[in-house]
Amino acid sequence: MNQKNIGVLQALFGAVFFGFIPFFTLPLYDLGYTSDLTLFYRFFTAALIMALILCVKRQSLKVSFKSLACICLHGANYFFIALFLFVALRHADSGIVTTIFYTNPIFVLLLSVLFFKEKLEAYKVILILATTFGVAMLSGFFSGTVTISFNGLLFSFLAGLGYALYIVLLLKIPASDVSREVFSFYLFFFGALTSFVYMLLFTDNFKIAASLPEWTYIFGSALVTGVVSNMLLIYALPKVGTVYASILGVMEPLTAVFIGVLYFKEEMTLMKAFGIVIVVTAIILLTVIPKLRKNSI
């Protein structure tokens, strides 16, 4: 298997693992956790897991100031993406928030073309529009019951733009003198630090997690949706590029739909089924079209 195909699989599974966020987050909300508190424990625990991995591998945490500044930027951005998304969900239906957020491949494509001189290819534009339409069907955008306020629209847009920036900057502004594991440790550490400072300054929501159920969901979220998901994305980006990775990221809402149906007993509607078909078809075409074009030359 060539490196491009390995990268596709890494990006796909990274998005799938990220789609488990509702599985671990919703029970914490039921236990009284707020969005910022949930994010803090997710980042904090993920940083501890990465520290343990680095200890086992005997890797140093030494890093240059320039790389540390880059990682700090990525970590703070990582926190605000999630925060904007959670705030948007308080002002609008999840369907429209999810749809607007997962237009981020459009932002990734535009940023890559405008600032990094990447080639604008027609099939990528078509697949981005197709996946956006599929996500809209998955999330109930066309149900006729969605509502949104200006704040909901604004924060959904900011979350999508922030994630696009995160994807592009991870590849274009890397911390080149550190390993992926060290990078991930500092990414989660700065994410935890940013969320902790945010709580101290604005919400005062901090509390100590004390029970076994709390730590079970926190650890699961940190390991599956934090460490594993983010590491797979970091490994995939150099192999597949920013646009491919962002399009493959729509596996996240698809995974969330399956978890909702299988675990939370949500209804599988015909609209969702069509959305799944469109998203899966677009992802298959994303991997097939470049091979067909290459073989036709």
Protein backbone atom coordinates (compact mmCIF):
# COMPACT_ATOMS: atom_id res chain seq x y z
CA MET A 1 0.00 0.00 0.00
CA ASN A 2 1.43 3.37 -1.02
CA GLN A 3 1.79 6.35 1.32
CA LYS A 4 -1.20 8.22 -0.18
CA ASN A 5 -3.55 5.30 0.56
CA ILE A 6 -2.14 4.95 4.07
CA GLY A 7 -2.78 8.67 4.58
CA VAL A 8 -6.37 8.30 3.37
CA LEU A 9 -6.99 5.50 5.88
CA GLN A 10 -5.38 7.52 8.67
CA ALA A 11 -7.54 10.56 7.88
CA LEU A 12 -10.68 8.41 7.63
CA PHE A 13 -10.14 6.65 10.94
CA GLY A 14 -9.08 9.91 12.58
CA ALA A 15 -12.45 11.41 11.61
CA VAL A 16 -14.30 8.25 12.72
CA PHE A 17 -12.69 8.35 16.18
CA PHE A 18 -13.44 12.08 16.44
CA GLY A 19 -17.08 11.20 15.73
CA PHE A 20 -17.24 9.44 19.11
CA ILE A 21 -17.39 12.83 20.87
CA PRO A 22 -21.16 12.56 21.60
CA PHE A 23 -20.65 9.06 23.05
CA PHE A 24 -18.29 10.41 25.73
CA THR A 25 -19.49 14.03 26.04
CA LEU A 26 -23.26 13.70 26.45
CA PRO A 27 -22.96 11.54 29.62
CA LEU A 28 -20.67 14.20 31.11
CA TYR A 29 -23.28 16.86 30.33
CA ASP A 30 -25.83 14.69 32.14
CA LEU A 31 -23.46 14.71 35.14
CA GLY A 32 -23.52 18.52 35.18
CA TYR A 33 -20.40 19.30 33.15
CA THR A 34 -20.26 22.49 31.08
CA SER A 35 -18.63 22.71 27.65
CA ASP A 36 -15.48 24.49 28.86
CA LEU A 37 -15.04 22.10 31.81
CA THR A 38 -15.44 19.09 29.50
CA LEU A 39 -12.85 20.52 27.12
CA PHE A 40 -10.41 21.20 29.95
CA TYR A 41 -10.51 17.62 31.22
CA ARG A 42 -10.33 16.23 27.68
CA PHE A 43 -7.19 18.24 26.88
CA PHE A 44 -5.62 17.78 30.34
CA THR A 45 -6.07 13.99 30.33
CA ALA A 46 -4.89 13.74 26.71
CA ALA A 47 -1.72 15.62 27.71
CA LEU A 48 -1.14 13.15 30.56
CA ILE A 49 -1.61 10.19 28.18
CA MET A 50 0.90 11.72 25.74
CA ALA A 51 3.34 12.36 28.61
CA LEU A 52 3.11 8.67 29.55
CA ILE A 53 3.73 7.62 25.94
CA LEU A 54 6.77 9.92 25.75
CA CYS A 55 8.05 8.50 29.04
CA VAL A 56 7.78 4.93 27.73
CA LYS A 57 9.50 5.91 24.46
CA ARG A 58 12.09 7.95 26.43
CA GLN A 59 11.56 11.03 24.30
CA SER A 60 12.63 14.43 25.55
CA LEU A 61 10.16 17.31 25.90
CA LYS A 62 12.86 19.75 24.83
CA VAL A 63 11.63 22.12 22.14
CA SER A 64 12.78 25.42 20.65
CA PHE A 65 11.00 28.65 21.50
CA LYS A 66 9.87 29.06 17.88
CA SER A 67 8.26 25.61 17.78
CA LEU A 68 6.74 26.13 21.22
CA ALA A 69 5.12 29.36 20.01
CA CYS A 70 3.72 27.52 16.95
CA ILE A 71 2.29 24.74 19.09
CA CYS A 72 0.82 27.28 21.53
CA LEU A 73 -0.99 28.90 18.59
CA HIS A 74 -2.34 25.52 17.43
CA GLY A 75 -3.41 24.55 20.96
CA ALA A 76 -5.29 27.80 21.61
CA ASN A 77 -6.96 27.56 18.19
CA TYR A 78 -7.92 23.93 18.93
CA PHE A 79 -9.71 25.03 22.11
CA PHE A 80 -11.57 27.96 20.53
CA ILE A 81 -12.78 25.81 17.60
CA ALA A 82 -14.51 23.49 20.05
CA LEU A 83 -15.75 26.37 22.20
CA PHE A 84 -17.27 28.23 19.23
CA LEU A 85 -18.95 25.02 18.14
CA PHE A 86 -20.48 24.44 21.57
CA VAL A 87 -21.61 28.08 21.85
CA ALA A 88 -23.21 27.85 18.38
CA LEU A 89 -25.19 24.80 19.49
CA ARG A 90 -26.75 26.89 22.26
CA HIS A 91 -28.05 29.41 19.72
CA ALA A 92 -29.14 27.14 16.87
CA ASP A 93 -30.32 23.66 15.99
CA SER A 94 -27.54 21.09 15.72
CA GLY A 95 -28.47 20.39 12.09
CA ILE A 96 -27.65 23.83 10.77
CA VAL A 97 -24.60 24.21 13.04
CA THR A 98 -23.16 20.91 11.80
CA THR A 99 -23.87 21.84 8.18
CA ILE A 100 -22.19 25.24 8.47
CA PHE A 101 -19.23 23.80 10.40
CA TYR A 102 -18.61 21.07 7.82
CA THR A 103 -18.36 23.58 5.02
CA ASN A 104 -14.79 23.95 6.35
CA PRO A 105 -13.37 22.04 3.31
CA ILE A 106 -14.46 25.07 1.26
CA PHE A 107 -12.42 27.34 3.55
CA VAL A 108 -9.46 24.92 3.40
CA LEU A 109 -9.56 24.93 -0.39
CA LEU A 110 -9.80 28.72 -0.59
CA LEU A 111 -6.99 29.27 1.93
CA SER A 112 -4.76 26.76 0.12
CA VAL A 113 -5.41 28.39 -3.26
CA LEU A 114 -5.14 32.02 -2.12
CA PHE A 115 -2.18 31.80 0.26
CA PHE A 116 -0.30 28.63 -0.70
CA LYS A 117 -0.84 28.63 -4.49
CA GLU A 118 -2.38 25.15 -4.62
CA LYS A 119 -4.14 24.20 -7.86
CA LEU A 120 -7.93 24.64 -7.93
CA GLU A 121 -9.25 21.40 -9.41
CA ALA A 122 -12.88 21.10 -10.51
CA TYR A 123 -13.46 17.61 -9.11
CA LYS A 124 -12.41 18.74 -5.61
CA VAL A 125 -14.88 21.63 -5.73
CA ILE A 126 -17.67 19.27 -6.83
CA LEU A 127 -16.85 16.72 -4.11
CA ILE A 128 -16.73 19.45 -1.45
CA LEU A 129 -20.18 20.66 -2.50
CA ALA A 130 -21.45 17.06 -2.57
CA THR A 131 -20.17 16.26 0.93
CA THR A 132 -21.62 19.53 2.24
CA PHE A 133 -25.00 18.58 0.77
CA GLY A 134 -24.69 15.09 2.25
CA VAL A 135 -23.86 16.46 5.71
CA ALA A 136 -26.86 18.80 5.43
CA MET A 137 -29.10 15.77 4.82
CA LEU A 138 -27.45 13.84 7.66
CA SER A 139 -27.95 16.66 10.14
CA GLY A 140 -31.58 17.42 9.27
CA PHE A 141 -30.90 20.76 7.61
CA PHE A 142 -33.73 20.20 5.11
CA SER A 143 -36.28 19.04 7.69
CA GLY A 144 -37.98 22.44 7.76
CA THR A 145 -37.74 22.70 11.54
CA VAL A 146 -34.26 24.17 12.02
CA THR A 147 -33.86 27.59 13.61
CA ILE A 148 -30.83 29.84 13.86
CA SER A 149 -29.98 33.23 15.29
CA PHE A 150 -27.26 35.63 14.23
CA ASN A 151 -25.06 34.35 17.08
CA GLY A 152 -25.64 30.76 15.99
CA LEU A 153 -24.68 31.61 12.43
CA LEU A 154 -21.64 33.63 13.52
CA PHE A 155 -20.18 31.04 15.90
CA SER A 156 -20.84 28.15 13.48
CA PHE A 157 -18.96 30.07 10.80
CA LEU A 158 -16.09 30.91 13.19
CA ALA A 159 -15.79 27.27 14.27
CA GLY A 160 -15.66 26.09 10.64
CA LEU A 161 -13.14 28.77 9.66
CA GLY A 162 -11.07 28.01 12.77
CA TYR A 163 -10.93 24.30 11.92
CA ALA A 164 -9.91 25.13 8.34
CA LEU A 165 -7.09 27.30 9.70
CA TYR A 166 -6.07 24.51 12.06
CA ILE A 167 -5.84 21.99 9.19
CA VAL A 168 -3.91 24.36 6.92
CA LEU A 169 -1.55 25.70 9.59
CA LEU A 170 -0.72 22.22 10.88
CA LEU A 171 0.82 21.46 7.50
CA LYS A 172 2.10 24.91 6.54
CA ILE A 173 3.45 26.06 9.93
CA PRO A 174 4.78 22.88 11.53
CA ALA A 175 6.97 22.59 14.61
CA SER A 176 9.67 20.97 12.51
CA ASP A 177 12.19 20.21 15.26
CA VAL A 178 9.90 18.02 17.40
CA SER A 179 8.33 14.59 16.94
CA ARG A 180 4.61 14.17 16.37
CA GLU A 181 4.26 12.79 19.89
CA VAL A 182 5.97 15.79 21.50
CA PHE A 183 3.92 18.10 19.29
CA SER A 184 0.69 16.41 20.44
CA PHE A 185 1.69 16.65 24.11
CA TYR A 186 2.21 20.40 23.91
CA LEU A 187 -0.90 20.81 21.73
CA PHE A 188 -3.08 19.23 24.41
CA PHE A 189 -1.19 20.99 27.21
CA PHE A 190 -1.81 24.44 25.69
CA GLY A 191 -5.42 23.46 24.95
CA ALA A 192 -5.90 22.59 28.63
CA LEU A 193 -4.13 25.76 29.75
CA THR A 194 -6.27 27.94 27.47
CA SER A 195 -9.51 26.31 28.66
CA PHE A 196 -8.46 26.64 32.32
CA VAL A 197 -7.62 30.34 31.94
CA TYR A 198 -10.90 30.86 30.05
CA MET A 199 -12.86 29.32 32.94
CA LEU A 200 -11.03 31.42 35.55
CA LEU A 201 -11.62 34.66 33.64
CA PHE A 202 -15.13 34.20 32.24
CA THR A 203 -17.19 31.33 33.66
CA ASP A 204 -15.91 30.02 37.01
CA ASN A 205 -17.12 26.53 36.01
CA PHE A 206 -14.12 24.58 37.26
CA LYS A 207 -14.65 21.64 39.59
CA ILE A 208 -12.69 18.53 40.56
CA ALA A 209 -13.77 15.32 38.84
CA ALA A 210 -14.28 12.88 41.70
CA SER A 211 -16.35 9.86 40.61
CA LEU A 212 -15.44 6.79 38.56
CA PRO A 213 -18.10 7.44 35.86
CA GLU A 214 -16.74 10.96 35.36
CA TRP A 215 -13.17 9.76 34.89
CA THR A 216 -14.30 6.87 32.67
CA TYR A 217 -15.91 9.23 30.17
CA ILE A 218 -13.10 11.79 30.51
CA PHE A 219 -10.43 9.15 29.84
CA GLY A 220 -12.39 7.70 26.91
CA SER A 221 -12.85 11.12 25.36
CA ALA A 222 -9.19 12.05 25.85
CA LEU A 223 -7.86 8.78 24.43
CA VAL A 224 -10.26 8.15 21.53
CA THR A 225 -11.33 11.63 20.37
CA GLY A 226 -8.15 13.37 21.50
CA VAL A 227 -4.93 11.35 21.33
CA VAL A 228 -5.84 8.72 18.70
CA SER A 229 -7.89 11.02 16.46
CA ASN A 230 -5.43 13.90 16.46
CA MET A 231 -2.36 11.69 16.01
CA LEU A 232 -3.95 10.03 12.97
CA LEU A 233 -4.71 13.47 11.49
CA ILE A 234 -1.15 14.67 12.07
CA TYR A 235 0.26 11.56 10.40
CA ALA A 236 -2.21 11.80 7.50
CA LEU A 237 -1.76 15.47 6.55
CA PRO A 238 1.70 15.23 4.94
CA LYS A 239 0.52 12.23 2.90
CA VAL A 240 -2.85 13.48 1.61
CA GLY A 241 -2.73 17.27 1.95
CA THR A 242 -5.13 19.73 3.53
CA VAL A 243 -8.07 19.53 1.11
CA TYR A 244 -8.23 15.73 1.13
CA ALA A 245 -8.01 15.62 4.92
CA SER A 246 -10.79 18.16 5.36
CA ILE A 247 -13.13 16.33 2.95
CA LEU A 248 -12.43 12.99 4.64
CA GLY A 249 -13.29 14.73 7.92
CA VAL A 250 -16.99 14.47 7.07
CA MET A 251 -16.76 10.88 8.34
CA GLU A 252 -17.08 12.49 11.78
CA PRO A 253 -20.77 13.53 11.51
CA LEU A 254 -21.50 10.26 9.72
CA THR A 255 -20.03 8.34 12.67
CA ALA A 256 -21.99 10.53 15.08
CA VAL A 257 -25.21 9.63 13.24
CA PHE A 258 -24.49 5.89 13.55
CA ILE A 259 -23.69 6.28 17.26
CA GLY A 260 -26.93 8.22 17.73
CA VAL A 261 -28.95 5.50 16.01
CA LEU A 262 -27.22 2.47 17.57
CA TYR A 263 -26.50 3.77 21.09
CA PHE A 264 -28.84 6.69 21.76
CA LYS A 265 -31.75 5.05 19.86
CA GLU A 266 -32.24 7.98 17.47
CA GLU A 267 -34.34 7.45 14.34
CA MET A 268 -32.68 6.52 11.03
CA THR A 269 -34.69 8.51 8.49
CA LEU A 270 -34.67 8.22 4.71
CA MET A 271 -33.04 11.67 4.56
CA LYS A 272 -30.15 10.48 6.76
CA ALA A 273 -29.76 7.35 4.65
CA PHE A 274 -29.48 9.42 1.46
CA GLY A 275 -26.96 11.68 3.21
CA ILE A 276 -24.84 8.66 4.14
CA VAL A 277 -24.88 7.42 0.53
CA ILE A 278 -23.81 10.85 -0.79
CA VAL A 279 -20.98 11.25 1.75
CA VAL A 280 -19.63 7.73 1.25
CA THR A 281 -19.85 8.05 -2.55
CA ALA A 282 -17.98 11.37 -2.46
CA ILE A 283 -15.22 9.87 -0.31
CA ILE A 284 -14.86 6.88 -2.63
CA LEU A 285 -14.65 9.19 -5.64
CA LEU A 286 -12.04 11.28 -3.82
CA THR A 287 -9.73 8.26 -3.75
CA VAL A 288 -10.67 6.84 -7.16
CA ILE A 289 -10.61 9.94 -9.40
CA PRO A 290 -6.88 10.77 -8.94
CA LYS A 291 -5.97 7.16 -9.83
CA LEU A 292 -8.17 7.22 -12.95
CA ARG A 293 -6.65 10.52 -14.05
CA LYS A 294 -3.14 9.24 -13.43
CA ASN A 295 -3.77 6.04 -15.42
CA SER A 296 -5.28 7.98 -18.32
CA ILE A 297 -2.12 10.04 -18.85
